[in-house]
Protein backbone atom coordinates (compact mmCIF):
# COMPACT_ATOMS: atom_id res chain seq x y z
CA UNK A 1 0.00 0.00 0.00
CA UNK A 2 1.28 3.46 -0.92
CA UNK A 3 2.73 5.24 2.14
CA UNK A 4 1.97 8.61 0.54
CA UNK A 5 -1.84 8.27 0.57
CA UNK A 6 -4.16 10.30 2.80
CA UNK A 7 -7.92 10.80 3.11
CA UNK A 8 -9.24 14.25 3.99
CA UNK A 9 -12.70 15.00 5.32
CA UNK A 10 -13.46 18.53 4.12
CA UNK A 11 -16.44 18.78 6.48
CA UNK A 12 -14.56 17.98 9.70
CA UNK A 13 -11.09 18.93 8.40
CA UNK A 14 -9.70 15.61 9.63
CA UNK A 15 -6.98 13.62 7.88
CA UNK A 16 -6.28 9.89 7.91
CA UNK A 17 -2.96 8.45 6.72
CA UNK A 18 -3.53 5.21 4.83
CA UNK A 19 -0.79 2.74 5.82
CA UNK A 20 -0.28 -1.04 6.11
CA UNK A 21 -0.64 -0.58 9.90
CA UNK A 22 -4.34 0.35 9.67
CA UNK A 23 -5.34 -3.21 10.57
CA UNK A 24 -2.65 -3.96 13.13
CA UNK A 25 -4.30 -5.15 16.36
CA UNK A 26 -3.93 -3.41 19.72
CA UNK A 27 -2.62 -5.40 22.70
CA UNK A 28 -4.13 -4.66 26.12
CA UNK A 29 -2.24 -5.94 29.16
CA UNK A 30 -4.24 -8.11 31.55
CA UNK A 31 -3.29 -10.24 34.58
CA UNK A 32 -3.62 -13.46 32.54
CA UNK A 33 -1.83 -12.16 29.50
CA UNK A 34 -2.32 -9.59 26.74
CA UNK A 35 -5.75 -9.32 25.12
CA UNK A 36 -5.72 -8.79 21.36
CA UNK A 37 -8.13 -6.08 20.17
CA UNK A 38 -8.77 -6.12 16.38
CA UNK A 39 -8.34 -2.72 14.72
CA UNK A 40 -9.26 -1.22 11.36
CA UNK A 41 -8.38 2.47 11.44
CA UNK A 42 -9.27 3.09 7.79
CA UNK A 43 -12.75 1.56 8.10
CA UNK A 44 -13.38 3.36 11.39
CA UNK A 45 -12.47 6.69 9.77
CA UNK A 46 -14.73 6.00 6.79
CA UNK A 47 -17.67 5.08 9.04
CA UNK A 48 -17.16 8.13 11.26
CA UNK A 49 -17.25 10.43 8.22
CA UNK A 50 -19.92 8.60 6.22
CA UNK A 51 -21.89 11.07 4.10
CA UNK A 52 -19.19 13.74 4.34
CA UNK A 53 -17.19 15.10 1.42
CA UNK A 54 -13.98 13.05 1.36
CA UNK A 55 -10.97 13.64 -0.86
CA UNK A 56 -7.95 11.49 -1.60
CA UNK A 57 -4.60 13.23 -1.15
CA UNK A 58 -1.27 11.99 -2.48
CA UNK A 59 2.17 13.01 -1.29
CA UNK A 60 4.52 14.85 -3.62
CA UNK A 61 7.35 17.40 -3.44
CA UNK A 62 9.03 18.21 -0.13
CA UNK A 63 9.03 16.08 3.01
CA UNK A 64 10.59 17.71 6.04
CA UNK A 65 11.19 16.90 9.70
CA UNK A 66 11.68 19.57 12.35
CA UNK A 67 15.21 20.07 13.68
CA UNK A 68 15.41 16.83 15.67
CA UNK A 69 16.40 13.20 14.98
CA UNK A 70 13.99 11.58 12.52
CA UNK A 71 13.60 8.56 14.85
CA UNK A 72 12.31 10.77 17.69
CA UNK A 73 8.68 9.63 18.30
CA UNK A 74 7.73 13.22 19.25
CA UNK A 75 9.08 14.73 16.03
CA UNK A 76 6.95 16.98 13.83
CA UNK A 77 6.88 16.03 10.18
CA UNK A 78 5.67 18.13 7.26
CA UNK A 79 4.77 16.73 3.86
CA UNK A 80 3.33 18.28 0.72
CA UNK A 81 0.21 16.62 -0.68
CA UNK A 82 -2.25 17.34 -3.47
CA UNK A 83 -5.75 16.37 -4.54
CA UNK A 84 -4.77 16.94 -8.14
CA UNK A 85 -5.93 20.56 -8.16
CA UNK A 86 -4.78 22.21 -4.93
CA UNK A 87 -1.57 21.93 -2.91
CA UNK A 88 -1.54 21.36 0.83
CA UNK A 89 0.92 20.71 3.66
CA UNK A 90 0.14 18.07 6.28
CA UNK A 91 1.73 18.40 9.72
CA UNK A 92 1.95 15.14 11.68
CA UNK A 93 2.62 15.29 15.42
CA UNK A 94 1.94 13.74 18.81
CA UNK A 95 0.67 15.50 21.91
CA UNK A 96 2.24 12.78 24.09
CA UNK A 97 4.28 9.62 23.66
CA UNK A 98 1.24 7.46 24.44
CA UNK A 99 -0.99 9.06 21.79
CA UNK A 100 -1.18 8.08 18.09
CA UNK A 101 -0.12 10.51 15.36
CA UNK A 102 -2.42 13.46 14.79
CA UNK A 103 -2.63 15.42 11.53
CA UNK A 104 -3.21 19.08 10.69
CA UNK A 105 -3.74 20.32 7.14
CA UNK A 106 -2.75 23.70 5.69
CA UNK A 107 -3.35 25.14 2.23
CA UNK A 108 -0.04 26.04 0.58
CA UNK A 109 3.49 24.79 -0.12
CA UNK A 110 6.63 24.30 1.95
CA UNK A 111 9.12 27.12 1.54
CA UNK A 112 12.70 27.50 2.74
CA UNK A 113 12.76 30.50 5.09
CA UNK A 114 16.36 30.34 6.30
CA UNK A 115 19.61 28.54 5.46
CA UNK A 116 22.44 28.40 7.98
CA UNK A 117 25.90 26.89 7.60
CA UNK A 118 27.70 25.44 10.62
CA UNK A 119 30.89 23.54 11.30
CA UNK A 120 31.01 20.28 13.25
CA UNK A 121 32.72 21.95 16.19
CA UNK A 122 32.50 19.14 18.77
CA UNK A 123 33.51 16.47 16.26
CA UNK A 124 36.52 18.49 15.07
CA UNK A 125 37.68 19.05 18.64
CA UNK A 126 37.40 15.35 19.55
CA UNK A 127 39.14 14.18 16.37
CA UNK A 128 42.00 16.65 16.79
CA UNK A 129 42.46 15.80 20.45
CA UNK A 130 42.01 12.03 20.58
CA UNK A 131 42.17 10.34 17.19
CA UNK A 132 44.13 12.15 14.52
CA UNK A 133 47.72 10.89 13.88
CA UNK A 134 49.71 14.13 13.90
CA UNK A 135 53.13 12.62 13.12
CA UNK A 136 55.63 13.96 12.22
CA UNK A 137 54.27 17.20 13.81
CA UNK A 138 53.21 17.38 17.46
CA UNK A 139 49.52 17.26 18.40
CA UNK A 140 47.87 20.59 19.14
CA UNK A 141 47.16 21.70 22.69
CA UNK A 142 43.59 22.65 23.62
CA UNK A 143 44.20 26.40 23.19
CA UNK A 144 45.44 25.92 19.63
CA UNK A 145 42.53 23.62 18.79
CA UNK A 146 40.11 26.26 20.06
CA UNK A 147 41.90 28.91 17.99
CA UNK A 148 41.70 26.79 14.83
CA UNK A 149 37.99 26.23 15.36
CA UNK A 150 37.38 29.97 15.80
CA UNK A 151 39.28 30.75 12.58
CA UNK A 152 37.46 28.02 10.66
CA UNK A 153 34.09 29.16 11.98
CA UNK A 154 34.83 32.77 11.07
CA UNK A 155 35.75 31.86 7.50
CA UNK A 156 32.61 29.75 7.06
CA UNK A 157 30.38 32.48 8.50
CA UNK A 158 30.81 34.61 5.37
CA UNK A 159 30.70 31.71 2.91
CA UNK A 160 27.94 31.62 0.28
CA UNK A 161 26.09 28.32 0.83
CA UNK A 162 25.58 27.97 -2.95
CA UNK A 163 29.36 27.46 -3.32
CA UNK A 164 29.35 24.37 -1.09
CA UNK A 165 29.22 20.90 -2.65
CA UNK A 166 26.23 19.00 -1.24
CA UNK A 167 26.59 15.27 -1.98
CA UNK A 168 24.67 13.86 0.98
CA UNK A 169 22.10 14.37 3.73
CA UNK A 170 21.87 13.62 7.44
CA UNK A 171 20.68 10.14 8.44
CA UNK A 172 18.97 11.53 11.53
CA UNK A 173 17.46 14.80 10.30
CA UNK A 174 16.37 15.47 6.73
CA UNK A 175 16.36 19.24 7.26
CA UNK A 176 20.16 18.97 7.47
CA UNK A 177 22.54 18.22 4.59
CA UNK A 178 26.29 17.71 4.69
CA UNK A 179 28.44 19.93 2.48
CA UNK A 180 32.05 19.46 1.43
CA UNK A 181 34.72 22.08 0.70
CA UNK A 182 37.21 22.00 -2.12
CA UNK A 183 40.99 22.38 -1.98
CA UNK A 184 40.81 26.13 -2.64
CA UNK A 185 38.93 26.69 0.60
CA UNK A 186 41.60 24.74 2.50
CA UNK A 187 44.21 27.10 1.07
CA UNK A 188 42.19 30.11 2.24
CA UNK A 189 41.93 28.53 5.68
CA UNK A 190 45.69 27.93 5.81
CA UNK A 191 46.27 31.60 4.95
CA UNK A 192 43.95 32.57 7.81
CA UNK A 193 45.86 30.27 10.20
CA UNK A 194 49.39 31.22 9.10
CA UNK A 195 49.91 34.23 11.44
CA UNK A 196 48.94 32.19 14.51
CA UNK A 197 50.65 28.80 14.06
CA UNK A 198 54.19 27.53 13.57
CA UNK A 199 55.29 25.92 10.31
CA UNK A 200 55.12 22.47 11.91
CA UNK A 201 51.62 23.15 13.25
CA UNK A 202 50.44 24.35 9.83
CA UNK A 203 51.68 21.14 8.18
CA UNK A 204 49.72 19.08 10.69
CA UNK A 205 46.57 21.23 10.33
CA UNK A 206 46.68 21.01 6.53
CA UNK A 207 47.08 17.24 6.76
CA UNK A 208 44.07 17.12 9.10
CA UNK A 209 41.93 19.28 6.78
CA UNK A 210 42.77 17.27 3.67
CA UNK A 211 42.08 14.01 5.49
CA UNK A 212 38.64 15.16 6.73
CA UNK A 213 37.49 17.60 4.02
CA UNK A 214 34.90 15.27 2.44
CA UNK A 215 31.22 15.51 3.37
CA UNK A 216 31.64 12.39 5.55
CA UNK A 217 34.59 13.90 7.44
CA UNK A 218 34.54 16.20 10.43
CA UNK A 219 35.54 19.15 8.22
CA UNK A 220 32.30 18.71 6.30
CA UNK A 221 29.78 21.50 6.85
CA UNK A 222 26.24 21.24 8.21
CA UNK A 223 23.73 23.11 6.05
CA UNK A 224 20.50 23.54 7.99
CA UNK A 225 17.22 24.54 6.34
CA UNK A 226 14.36 26.13 8.21
CA UNK A 227 10.98 25.70 6.51
CA UNK A 228 7.71 27.57 6.65
CA UNK A 229 4.39 27.23 4.88
CA UNK A 230 3.68 29.65 2.05
CA UNK A 231 -0.09 29.93 1.92
CA UNK A 232 -1.81 29.86 -1.44
CA UNK A 233 -3.61 32.99 -2.57
C-alpha atoms as a PDB file:
ATOM      1  CA  UNK A   1       0.000   0.000   0.000  1.00  0.00           C
ATOM      2  CA  UNK A   2       1.284   3.459  -0.919  1.00  0.00           C
ATOM      3  CA  UNK A   3       2.732   5.238   2.143  1.00  0.00           C
ATOM      4  CA  UNK A   4       1.969   8.609   0.537  1.00  0.00           C
ATOM      5  CA  UNK A   5      -1.836   8.269   0.573  1.00  0.00           C
ATOM      6  CA  UNK A   6      -4.165  10.303   2.797  1.00  0.00           C
ATOM      7  CA  UNK A   7      -7.922  10.797   3.111  1.00  0.00           C
ATOM      8  CA  UNK A   8      -9.235  14.251   3.990  1.00  0.00           C
ATOM      9  CA  UNK A   9     -12.705  15.004   5.316  1.00  0.00           C
ATOM     10  CA  UNK A  10     -13.459  18.534   4.122  1.00  0.00           C
ATOM     11  CA  UNK A  11     -16.441  18.779   6.480  1.00  0.00           C
ATOM     12  CA  UNK A  12     -14.556  17.982   9.702  1.00  0.00           C
ATOM     13  CA  UNK A  13     -11.092  18.935   8.396  1.00  0.00           C
ATOM     14  CA  UNK A  14      -9.697  15.607   9.632  1.00  0.00           C
ATOM     15  CA  UNK A  15      -6.977  13.622   7.879  1.00  0.00           C
ATOM     16  CA  UNK A  16      -6.276   9.893   7.909  1.00  0.00           C
ATOM     17  CA  UNK A  17      -2.959   8.450   6.720  1.00  0.00           C
ATOM     18  CA  UNK A  18      -3.528   5.215   4.828  1.00  0.00           C
ATOM     19  CA  UNK A  19      -0.788   2.739   5.816  1.00  0.00           C
ATOM     20  CA  UNK A  20      -0.276  -1.039   6.112  1.00  0.00           C
ATOM     21  CA  UNK A  21      -0.638  -0.584   9.897  1.00  0.00           C
ATOM     22  CA  UNK A  22      -4.337   0.348   9.674  1.00  0.00           C
ATOM     23  CA  UNK A  23      -5.345  -3.212  10.573  1.00  0.00           C
ATOM     24  CA  UNK A  24      -2.654  -3.957  13.126  1.00  0.00           C
ATOM     25  CA  UNK A  25      -4.303  -5.146  16.360  1.00  0.00           C
ATOM     26  CA  UNK A  26      -3.926  -3.415  19.721  1.00  0.00           C
ATOM     27  CA  UNK A  27      -2.621  -5.400  22.696  1.00  0.00           C
ATOM     28  CA  UNK A  28      -4.134  -4.664  26.116  1.00  0.00           C
ATOM     29  CA  UNK A  29      -2.238  -5.940  29.155  1.00  0.00           C
ATOM     30  CA  UNK A  30      -4.243  -8.107  31.550  1.00  0.00           C
ATOM     31  CA  UNK A  31      -3.285 -10.243  34.583  1.00  0.00           C
ATOM     32  CA  UNK A  32      -3.624 -13.464  32.541  1.00  0.00           C
ATOM     33  CA  UNK A  33      -1.834 -12.158  29.500  1.00  0.00           C
ATOM     34  CA  UNK A  34      -2.322  -9.590  26.742  1.00  0.00           C
ATOM     35  CA  UNK A  35      -5.749  -9.325  25.120  1.00  0.00           C
ATOM     36  CA  UNK A  36      -5.724  -8.793  21.358  1.00  0.00           C
ATOM     37  CA  UNK A  37      -8.133  -6.082  20.171  1.00  0.00           C
ATOM     38  CA  UNK A  38      -8.769  -6.117  16.382  1.00  0.00           C
ATOM     39  CA  UNK A  39      -8.342  -2.715  14.715  1.00  0.00           C
ATOM     40  CA  UNK A  40      -9.260  -1.219  11.356  1.00  0.00           C
ATOM     41  CA  UNK A  41      -8.380   2.472  11.437  1.00  0.00           C
ATOM     42  CA  UNK A  42      -9.273   3.092   7.786  1.00  0.00           C
ATOM     43  CA  UNK A  43     -12.748   1.556   8.103  1.00  0.00           C
ATOM     44  CA  UNK A  44     -13.382   3.359  11.395  1.00  0.00           C
ATOM     45  CA  UNK A  45     -12.471   6.689   9.772  1.00  0.00           C
ATOM     46  CA  UNK A  46     -14.731   6.004   6.789  1.00  0.00           C
ATOM     47  CA  UNK A  47     -17.669   5.075   9.043  1.00  0.00           C
ATOM     48  CA  UNK A  48     -17.162   8.127  11.256  1.00  0.00           C
ATOM     49  CA  UNK A  49     -17.246  10.429   8.225  1.00  0.00           C
ATOM     50  CA  UNK A  50     -19.923   8.605   6.223  1.00  0.00           C
ATOM     51  CA  UNK A  51     -21.895  11.073   4.098  1.00  0.00           C
ATOM     52  CA  UNK A  52     -19.195  13.737   4.344  1.00  0.00           C
ATOM     53  CA  UNK A  53     -17.187  15.104   1.424  1.00  0.00           C
ATOM     54  CA  UNK A  54     -13.981  13.048   1.363  1.00  0.00           C
ATOM     55  CA  UNK A  55     -10.972  13.639  -0.863  1.00  0.00           C
ATOM     56  CA  UNK A  56      -7.948  11.488  -1.599  1.00  0.00           C
ATOM     57  CA  UNK A  57      -4.597  13.231  -1.152  1.00  0.00           C
ATOM     58  CA  UNK A  58      -1.274  11.993  -2.485  1.00  0.00           C
ATOM     59  CA  UNK A  59       2.170  13.009  -1.289  1.00  0.00           C
ATOM     60  CA  UNK A  60       4.519  14.846  -3.621  1.00  0.00           C
ATOM     61  CA  UNK A  61       7.353  17.398  -3.438  1.00  0.00           C
ATOM     62  CA  UNK A  62       9.026  18.210  -0.133  1.00  0.00           C
ATOM     63  CA  UNK A  63       9.031  16.079   3.010  1.00  0.00           C
ATOM     64  CA  UNK A  64      10.587  17.709   6.045  1.00  0.00           C
ATOM     65  CA  UNK A  65      11.193  16.902   9.702  1.00  0.00           C
ATOM     66  CA  UNK A  66      11.682  19.567  12.346  1.00  0.00           C
ATOM     67  CA  UNK A  67      15.212  20.066  13.679  1.00  0.00           C
ATOM     68  CA  UNK A  68      15.411  16.827  15.668  1.00  0.00           C
ATOM     69  CA  UNK A  69      16.403  13.198  14.979  1.00  0.00           C
ATOM     70  CA  UNK A  70      13.994  11.583  12.516  1.00  0.00           C
ATOM     71  CA  UNK A  71      13.597   8.558  14.853  1.00  0.00           C
ATOM     72  CA  UNK A  72      12.311  10.768  17.686  1.00  0.00           C
ATOM     73  CA  UNK A  73       8.683   9.634  18.300  1.00  0.00           C
ATOM     74  CA  UNK A  74       7.733  13.215  19.245  1.00  0.00           C
ATOM     75  CA  UNK A  75       9.077  14.732  16.029  1.00  0.00           C
ATOM     76  CA  UNK A  76       6.954  16.984  13.832  1.00  0.00           C
ATOM     77  CA  UNK A  77       6.875  16.029  10.177  1.00  0.00           C
ATOM     78  CA  UNK A  78       5.672  18.128   7.258  1.00  0.00           C
ATOM     79  CA  UNK A  79       4.769  16.726   3.857  1.00  0.00           C
ATOM     80  CA  UNK A  80       3.334  18.284   0.719  1.00  0.00           C
ATOM     81  CA  UNK A  81       0.208  16.624  -0.680  1.00  0.00           C
ATOM     82  CA  UNK A  82      -2.250  17.341  -3.471  1.00  0.00           C
ATOM     83  CA  UNK A  83      -5.752  16.368  -4.536  1.00  0.00           C
ATOM     84  CA  UNK A  84      -4.771  16.938  -8.142  1.00  0.00           C
ATOM     85  CA  UNK A  85      -5.928  20.559  -8.160  1.00  0.00           C
ATOM     86  CA  UNK A  86      -4.780  22.214  -4.934  1.00  0.00           C
ATOM     87  CA  UNK A  87      -1.571  21.927  -2.914  1.00  0.00           C
ATOM     88  CA  UNK A  88      -1.536  21.360   0.835  1.00  0.00           C
ATOM     89  CA  UNK A  89       0.916  20.712   3.664  1.00  0.00           C
ATOM     90  CA  UNK A  90       0.135  18.067   6.276  1.00  0.00           C
ATOM     91  CA  UNK A  91       1.729  18.397   9.718  1.00  0.00           C
ATOM     92  CA  UNK A  92       1.953  15.144  11.681  1.00  0.00           C
ATOM     93  CA  UNK A  93       2.625  15.294  15.420  1.00  0.00           C
ATOM     94  CA  UNK A  94       1.939  13.740  18.808  1.00  0.00           C
ATOM     95  CA  UNK A  95       0.666  15.503  21.912  1.00  0.00           C
ATOM     96  CA  UNK A  96       2.238  12.784  24.091  1.00  0.00           C
ATOM     97  CA  UNK A  97       4.284   9.623  23.658  1.00  0.00           C
ATOM     98  CA  UNK A  98       1.236   7.464  24.436  1.00  0.00           C
ATOM     99  CA  UNK A  99      -0.988   9.058  21.789  1.00  0.00           C
ATOM    100  CA  UNK A 100      -1.177   8.076  18.090  1.00  0.00           C
ATOM    101  CA  UNK A 101      -0.122  10.506  15.362  1.00  0.00           C
ATOM    102  CA  UNK A 102      -2.415  13.457  14.786  1.00  0.00           C
ATOM    103  CA  UNK A 103      -2.635  15.418  11.532  1.00  0.00           C
ATOM    104  CA  UNK A 104      -3.207  19.076  10.689  1.00  0.00           C
ATOM    105  CA  UNK A 105      -3.736  20.322   7.137  1.00  0.00           C
ATOM    106  CA  UNK A 106      -2.748  23.703   5.694  1.00  0.00           C
ATOM    107  CA  UNK A 107      -3.352  25.136   2.234  1.00  0.00           C
ATOM    108  CA  UNK A 108      -0.041  26.042   0.576  1.00  0.00           C
ATOM    109  CA  UNK A 109       3.486  24.790  -0.123  1.00  0.00           C
ATOM    110  CA  UNK A 110       6.627  24.298   1.949  1.00  0.00           C
ATOM    111  CA  UNK A 111       9.120  27.118   1.541  1.00  0.00           C
ATOM    112  CA  UNK A 112      12.696  27.500   2.738  1.00  0.00           C
ATOM    113  CA  UNK A 113      12.761  30.501   5.092  1.00  0.00           C
ATOM    114  CA  UNK A 114      16.355  30.337   6.298  1.00  0.00           C
ATOM    115  CA  UNK A 115      19.610  28.537   5.456  1.00  0.00           C
ATOM    116  CA  UNK A 116      22.441  28.405   7.980  1.00  0.00           C
ATOM    117  CA  UNK A 117      25.904  26.890   7.596  1.00  0.00           C
ATOM    118  CA  UNK A 118      27.695  25.438  10.624  1.00  0.00           C
ATOM    119  CA  UNK A 119      30.893  23.542  11.301  1.00  0.00           C
ATOM    120  CA  UNK A 120      31.012  20.284  13.255  1.00  0.00           C
ATOM    121  CA  UNK A 121      32.723  21.952  16.191  1.00  0.00           C
ATOM    122  CA  UNK A 122      32.498  19.142  18.771  1.00  0.00           C
ATOM    123  CA  UNK A 123      33.511  16.466  16.262  1.00  0.00           C
ATOM    124  CA  UNK A 124      36.520  18.492  15.074  1.00  0.00           C
ATOM    125  CA  UNK A 125      37.682  19.053  18.642  1.00  0.00           C
ATOM    126  CA  UNK A 126      37.398  15.355  19.547  1.00  0.00           C
ATOM    127  CA  UNK A 127      39.145  14.181  16.371  1.00  0.00           C
ATOM    128  CA  UNK A 128      41.998  16.651  16.794  1.00  0.00           C
ATOM    129  CA  UNK A 129      42.460  15.801  20.455  1.00  0.00           C
ATOM    130  CA  UNK A 130      42.008  12.034  20.580  1.00  0.00           C
ATOM    131  CA  UNK A 131      42.173  10.342  17.188  1.00  0.00           C
ATOM    132  CA  UNK A 132      44.132  12.148  14.518  1.00  0.00           C
ATOM    133  CA  UNK A 133      47.717  10.892  13.878  1.00  0.00           C
ATOM    134  CA  UNK A 134      49.714  14.128  13.901  1.00  0.00           C
ATOM    135  CA  UNK A 135      53.126  12.622  13.124  1.00  0.00           C
ATOM    136  CA  UNK A 136      55.634  13.963  12.219  1.00  0.00           C
ATOM    137  CA  UNK A 137      54.272  17.196  13.808  1.00  0.00           C
ATOM    138  CA  UNK A 138      53.209  17.378  17.460  1.00  0.00           C
ATOM    139  CA  UNK A 139      49.525  17.256  18.401  1.00  0.00           C
ATOM    140  CA  UNK A 140      47.874  20.589  19.137  1.00  0.00           C
ATOM    141  CA  UNK A 141      47.164  21.702  22.690  1.00  0.00           C
ATOM    142  CA  UNK A 142      43.592  22.649  23.625  1.00  0.00           C
ATOM    143  CA  UNK A 143      44.199  26.397  23.190  1.00  0.00           C
ATOM    144  CA  UNK A 144      45.441  25.923  19.634  1.00  0.00           C
ATOM    145  CA  UNK A 145      42.529  23.623  18.792  1.00  0.00           C
ATOM    146  CA  UNK A 146      40.113  26.264  20.059  1.00  0.00           C
ATOM    147  CA  UNK A 147      41.897  28.913  17.988  1.00  0.00           C
ATOM    148  CA  UNK A 148      41.705  26.793  14.827  1.00  0.00           C
ATOM    149  CA  UNK A 149      37.987  26.229  15.359  1.00  0.00           C
ATOM    150  CA  UNK A 150      37.382  29.974  15.800  1.00  0.00           C
ATOM    151  CA  UNK A 151      39.279  30.747  12.581  1.00  0.00           C
ATOM    152  CA  UNK A 152      37.457  28.016  10.657  1.00  0.00           C
ATOM    153  CA  UNK A 153      34.086  29.158  11.975  1.00  0.00           C
ATOM    154  CA  UNK A 154      34.825  32.774  11.068  1.00  0.00           C
ATOM    155  CA  UNK A 155      35.754  31.856   7.502  1.00  0.00           C
ATOM    156  CA  UNK A 156      32.615  29.748   7.065  1.00  0.00           C
ATOM    157  CA  UNK A 157      30.379  32.483   8.497  1.00  0.00           C
ATOM    158  CA  UNK A 158      30.806  34.614   5.373  1.00  0.00           C
ATOM    159  CA  UNK A 159      30.699  31.709   2.908  1.00  0.00           C
ATOM    160  CA  UNK A 160      27.943  31.619   0.285  1.00  0.00           C
ATOM    161  CA  UNK A 161      26.090  28.316   0.828  1.00  0.00           C
ATOM    162  CA  UNK A 162      25.583  27.965  -2.948  1.00  0.00           C
ATOM    163  CA  UNK A 163      29.363  27.465  -3.324  1.00  0.00           C
ATOM    164  CA  UNK A 164      29.351  24.366  -1.092  1.00  0.00           C
ATOM    165  CA  UNK A 165      29.216  20.903  -2.651  1.00  0.00           C
ATOM    166  CA  UNK A 166      26.228  19.001  -1.241  1.00  0.00           C
ATOM    167  CA  UNK A 167      26.588  15.270  -1.984  1.00  0.00           C
ATOM    168  CA  UNK A 168      24.673  13.859   0.980  1.00  0.00           C
ATOM    169  CA  UNK A 169      22.099  14.365   3.734  1.00  0.00           C
ATOM    170  CA  UNK A 170      21.870  13.624   7.436  1.00  0.00           C
ATOM    171  CA  UNK A 171      20.677  10.135   8.437  1.00  0.00           C
ATOM    172  CA  UNK A 172      18.972  11.532  11.533  1.00  0.00           C
ATOM    173  CA  UNK A 173      17.456  14.796  10.304  1.00  0.00           C
ATOM    174  CA  UNK A 174      16.367  15.474   6.732  1.00  0.00           C
ATOM    175  CA  UNK A 175      16.355  19.241   7.259  1.00  0.00           C
ATOM    176  CA  UNK A 176      20.163  18.972   7.470  1.00  0.00           C
ATOM    177  CA  UNK A 177      22.539  18.222   4.587  1.00  0.00           C
ATOM    178  CA  UNK A 178      26.291  17.713   4.686  1.00  0.00           C
ATOM    179  CA  UNK A 179      28.444  19.930   2.480  1.00  0.00           C
ATOM    180  CA  UNK A 180      32.047  19.462   1.429  1.00  0.00           C
ATOM    181  CA  UNK A 181      34.718  22.080   0.696  1.00  0.00           C
ATOM    182  CA  UNK A 182      37.208  21.996  -2.122  1.00  0.00           C
ATOM    183  CA  UNK A 183      40.992  22.378  -1.979  1.00  0.00           C
ATOM    184  CA  UNK A 184      40.810  26.132  -2.643  1.00  0.00           C
ATOM    185  CA  UNK A 185      38.932  26.691   0.600  1.00  0.00           C
ATOM    186  CA  UNK A 186      41.595  24.740   2.502  1.00  0.00           C
ATOM    187  CA  UNK A 187      44.215  27.100   1.071  1.00  0.00           C
ATOM    188  CA  UNK A 188      42.191  30.107   2.243  1.00  0.00           C
ATOM    189  CA  UNK A 189      41.930  28.529   5.683  1.00  0.00           C
ATOM    190  CA  UNK A 190      45.687  27.930   5.809  1.00  0.00           C
ATOM    191  CA  UNK A 191      46.270  31.602   4.951  1.00  0.00           C
ATOM    192  CA  UNK A 192      43.952  32.574   7.808  1.00  0.00           C
ATOM    193  CA  UNK A 193      45.859  30.270  10.205  1.00  0.00           C
ATOM    194  CA  UNK A 194      49.390  31.217   9.099  1.00  0.00           C
ATOM    195  CA  UNK A 195      49.914  34.230  11.442  1.00  0.00           C
ATOM    196  CA  UNK A 196      48.938  32.187  14.514  1.00  0.00           C
ATOM    197  CA  UNK A 197      50.649  28.796  14.060  1.00  0.00           C
ATOM    198  CA  UNK A 198      54.186  27.526  13.572  1.00  0.00           C
ATOM    199  CA  UNK A 199      55.291  25.922  10.308  1.00  0.00           C
ATOM    200  CA  UNK A 200      55.123  22.472  11.912  1.00  0.00           C
ATOM    201  CA  UNK A 201      51.623  23.146  13.248  1.00  0.00           C
ATOM    202  CA  UNK A 202      50.440  24.353   9.835  1.00  0.00           C
ATOM    203  CA  UNK A 203      51.675  21.137   8.181  1.00  0.00           C
ATOM    204  CA  UNK A 204      49.716  19.075  10.694  1.00  0.00           C
ATOM    205  CA  UNK A 205      46.572  21.232  10.326  1.00  0.00           C
ATOM    206  CA  UNK A 206      46.677  21.008   6.535  1.00  0.00           C
ATOM    207  CA  UNK A 207      47.084  17.237   6.760  1.00  0.00           C
ATOM    208  CA  UNK A 208      44.074  17.120   9.100  1.00  0.00           C
ATOM    209  CA  UNK A 209      41.930  19.281   6.780  1.00  0.00           C
ATOM    210  CA  UNK A 210      42.770  17.269   3.672  1.00  0.00           C
ATOM    211  CA  UNK A 211      42.077  14.011   5.486  1.00  0.00           C
ATOM    212  CA  UNK A 212      38.645  15.162   6.731  1.00  0.00           C
ATOM    213  CA  UNK A 213      37.494  17.605   4.020  1.00  0.00           C
ATOM    214  CA  UNK A 214      34.902  15.271   2.436  1.00  0.00           C
ATOM    215  CA  UNK A 215      31.216  15.506   3.374  1.00  0.00           C
ATOM    216  CA  UNK A 216      31.639  12.386   5.545  1.00  0.00           C
ATOM    217  CA  UNK A 217      34.589  13.904   7.435  1.00  0.00           C
ATOM    218  CA  UNK A 218      34.536  16.204  10.435  1.00  0.00           C
ATOM    219  CA  UNK A 219      35.539  19.147   8.217  1.00  0.00           C
ATOM    220  CA  UNK A 220      32.295  18.711   6.302  1.00  0.00           C
ATOM    221  CA  UNK A 221      29.784  21.502   6.855  1.00  0.00           C
ATOM    222  CA  UNK A 222      26.244  21.238   8.211  1.00  0.00           C
ATOM    223  CA  UNK A 223      23.731  23.111   6.054  1.00  0.00           C
ATOM    224  CA  UNK A 224      20.495  23.543   7.989  1.00  0.00           C
ATOM    225  CA  UNK A 225      17.224  24.539   6.336  1.00  0.00           C
ATOM    226  CA  UNK A 226      14.359  26.132   8.210  1.00  0.00           C
ATOM    227  CA  UNK A 227      10.980  25.698   6.509  1.00  0.00           C
ATOM    228  CA  UNK A 228       7.712  27.565   6.648  1.00  0.00           C
ATOM    229  CA  UNK A 229       4.386  27.234   4.883  1.00  0.00           C
ATOM    230  CA  UNK A 230       3.678  29.652   2.052  1.00  0.00           C
ATOM    231  CA  UNK A 231      -0.092  29.932   1.921  1.00  0.00           C
ATOM    232  CA  UNK A 232      -1.813  29.859  -1.439  1.00  0.00           C
ATOM    233  CA  UNK A 233      -3.612  32.989  -2.572  1.00  0.00           C
END
